[in-house]
Amino acid sequence: MRELLGGIGKNFWIAAPFFVDYGNNIYFGNNCEINMNCTFLDDNIIYIEDDALIAPNMQIYTVFHPTNALDRFGEPKEDNSFEFCKTQTAPVTIGNNVWIGGGAIIMPSITIGNNVVIGEEVLLQKIFWTIAYGNPCQVKRENK
């Protein structure tokens, strides 16, 4: 794992299988546990700070496709070919003492603050500094 990932702190534990695009853009702090079957699309930086618990089947995406079709595919060429699936990226940061439930999906450019709990099977598309869960994901309690 030290050869695959960008950085690992002390007391790191990860269960197989673990899927990445590159690996070297992922940085873990101390005391992190990643459970089985997680997918990290690390086309940009993923920072996971100290004392993080990540449940099975959690996904982190740093890559996305533009919503405008011309930005995604470009102009067709004379031979009717086109540039396929242009992408953009944005980093993801997960703070200290965070617990993320099973099946959660974290989208590009998300920052999760310190001491946050994210419930299972949620889609995170905005910044959270609290306890949030449900589908759609909603704030259930503010951290104090």
Protein backbone atom coordinates (compact mmCIF):
# COMPACT_ATOMS: atom_id res chain seq x y z
CA MET A 1 0.00 0.00 0.00
CA ARG A 2 2.88 2.39 0.67
CA GLU A 3 3.96 1.99 -2.97
CA LEU A 4 0.43 2.46 -4.32
CA LEU A 5 -0.80 5.39 -2.21
CA GLY A 6 0.49 8.97 -1.98
CA GLY A 7 0.88 8.81 1.80
CA ILE A 8 -0.13 6.72 4.81
CA GLY A 9 0.03 7.69 8.50
CA LYS A 10 0.46 5.34 11.46
CA ASN A 11 -2.06 2.61 12.26
CA PHE A 12 -3.55 2.33 8.78
CA TRP A 13 -5.85 -0.57 7.97
CA ILE A 14 -7.60 -1.38 4.71
CA ALA A 15 -9.65 -4.41 3.67
CA ALA A 16 -9.57 -5.83 0.16
CA PRO A 17 -10.85 -5.30 -2.38
CA PHE A 18 -9.93 -1.62 -2.75
CA PHE A 19 -10.27 0.08 -6.14
CA VAL A 20 -8.44 3.23 -7.31
CA ASP A 21 -7.72 5.03 -10.58
CA TYR A 22 -4.12 5.91 -9.72
CA GLY A 23 -3.58 5.56 -5.97
CA ASN A 24 -0.76 8.08 -5.71
CA ASN A 25 -3.24 10.97 -5.27
CA ILE A 26 -4.66 9.49 -2.04
CA TYR A 27 -3.30 10.57 1.36
CA PHE A 28 -4.32 9.04 4.70
CA GLY A 29 -3.56 10.44 8.16
CA ASN A 30 -3.06 8.39 11.33
CA ASN A 31 -5.50 5.78 12.64
CA CYS A 32 -7.56 5.31 9.47
CA GLU A 33 -9.66 2.26 8.73
CA ILE A 34 -11.07 1.60 5.26
CA ASN A 35 -13.43 -1.34 5.02
CA MET A 36 -13.90 -3.64 2.02
CA ASN A 37 -15.05 -2.85 -1.50
CA CYS A 38 -14.35 0.90 -1.51
CA THR A 39 -13.69 2.78 -4.75
CA PHE A 40 -11.63 5.98 -4.89
CA LEU A 41 -11.44 7.68 -8.32
CA ASP A 42 -8.36 9.76 -7.56
CA ASP A 43 -7.87 11.78 -10.72
CA ASN A 44 -7.35 14.67 -8.26
CA ILE A 45 -6.17 14.70 -4.63
CA ILE A 46 -8.06 12.86 -1.88
CA TYR A 47 -7.03 13.82 1.66
CA ILE A 48 -8.36 11.74 4.53
CA GLU A 49 -7.13 13.13 7.84
CA ASP A 50 -6.63 11.38 11.21
CA ASP A 51 -9.02 8.94 12.89
CA ALA A 52 -11.27 8.26 9.88
CA LEU A 53 -13.59 5.26 9.72
CA ILE A 54 -14.93 4.39 6.29
CA ALA A 55 -17.54 1.63 5.96
CA PRO A 56 -17.84 -0.91 3.11
CA ASN A 57 -18.83 0.06 -0.42
CA MET A 58 -18.05 3.76 0.05
CA GLN A 59 -17.05 5.69 -3.08
CA ILE A 60 -15.08 8.91 -3.54
CA TYR A 61 -15.09 10.61 -6.94
CA THR A 62 -12.72 13.44 -7.85
CA VAL A 63 -13.56 13.24 -11.55
CA PHE A 64 -16.71 14.31 -13.36
CA HIS A 65 -17.97 15.07 -16.85
CA PRO A 66 -19.13 18.54 -17.91
CA THR A 67 -22.91 18.88 -18.15
CA ASN A 68 -22.76 20.59 -21.55
CA ALA A 69 -22.55 17.96 -24.33
CA LEU A 70 -20.10 20.02 -26.44
CA ASP A 71 -17.79 20.34 -23.42
CA ARG A 72 -18.06 16.57 -22.89
CA PHE A 73 -17.48 15.45 -26.48
CA GLY A 74 -16.22 18.43 -28.47
CA GLU A 75 -17.25 19.31 -32.01
CA PRO A 76 -17.61 16.36 -34.41
CA LYS A 77 -14.76 16.11 -36.91
CA GLU A 78 -15.16 15.81 -40.69
CA ASP A 79 -14.99 12.02 -40.43
CA ASN A 80 -17.79 12.16 -37.76
CA SER A 81 -15.39 11.14 -34.99
CA PHE A 82 -15.21 13.17 -31.77
CA GLU A 83 -13.19 13.45 -28.58
CA PHE A 84 -14.80 11.01 -26.23
CA CYS A 85 -15.70 11.82 -22.63
CA LYS A 86 -13.66 14.84 -21.63
CA THR A 87 -13.42 15.07 -17.85
CA GLN A 88 -12.79 17.62 -15.14
CA THR A 89 -11.53 17.05 -11.59
CA ALA A 90 -11.77 18.57 -8.13
CA PRO A 91 -10.22 17.42 -4.82
CA VAL A 92 -12.00 15.80 -1.87
CA THR A 93 -11.01 16.42 1.77
CA ILE A 94 -12.24 14.43 4.76
CA GLY A 95 -11.42 15.91 8.18
CA ASN A 96 -10.35 14.41 11.51
CA ASN A 97 -12.58 12.01 13.47
CA VAL A 98 -14.97 11.36 10.58
CA TRP A 99 -17.13 8.27 10.25
CA ILE A 100 -18.69 7.58 6.84
CA GLY A 101 -21.39 4.93 6.57
CA GLY A 102 -21.60 2.08 4.08
CA GLY A 103 -22.50 2.83 0.50
CA ALA A 104 -21.98 6.59 0.79
CA ILE A 105 -20.88 8.42 -2.36
CA ILE A 106 -18.75 11.56 -2.08
CA MET A 107 -18.70 13.75 -5.17
CA PRO A 108 -15.85 16.01 -6.43
CA SER A 109 -14.94 19.22 -4.51
CA ILE A 110 -16.51 18.03 -1.24
CA THR A 111 -14.98 18.93 2.11
CA ILE A 112 -16.20 17.06 5.16
CA GLY A 113 -15.26 18.89 8.37
CA ASN A 114 -13.89 17.47 11.62
CA ASN A 115 -16.02 15.28 13.92
CA VAL A 116 -18.64 14.58 11.23
CA VAL A 117 -20.77 11.46 10.88
CA ILE A 118 -22.20 10.69 7.45
CA GLY A 119 -24.90 8.01 7.30
CA GLU A 120 -25.08 5.04 5.00
CA GLU A 121 -26.05 5.14 1.33
CA VAL A 122 -26.00 8.93 0.98
CA LEU A 123 -24.84 11.06 -1.93
CA LEU A 124 -22.74 14.02 -0.77
CA GLN A 125 -22.84 16.94 -3.15
CA LYS A 126 -22.18 19.77 -0.71
CA ILE A 127 -19.99 20.55 2.29
CA PHE A 128 -20.99 19.08 5.65
CA TRP A 129 -19.84 20.09 9.15
CA THR A 130 -22.39 18.06 11.07
CA ILE A 131 -24.18 14.73 11.39
CA ALA A 132 -26.05 14.00 8.19
CA TYR A 133 -27.87 11.02 6.73
CA GLY A 134 -30.90 10.00 4.72
CA ASN A 135 -31.67 9.94 1.05
CA PRO A 136 -31.52 12.72 0.06
CA CYS A 137 -28.82 13.50 2.61
CA GLN A 138 -29.99 16.00 5.22
CA VAL A 139 -28.47 17.61 8.28
CA LYS A 140 -29.81 15.83 11.37
CA ARG A 141 -27.71 17.48 14.09
CA GLU A 142 -25.21 20.34 14.12
CA ASN A 143 -21.80 19.72 15.68
CA LYS A 144 -21.08 21.93 18.67
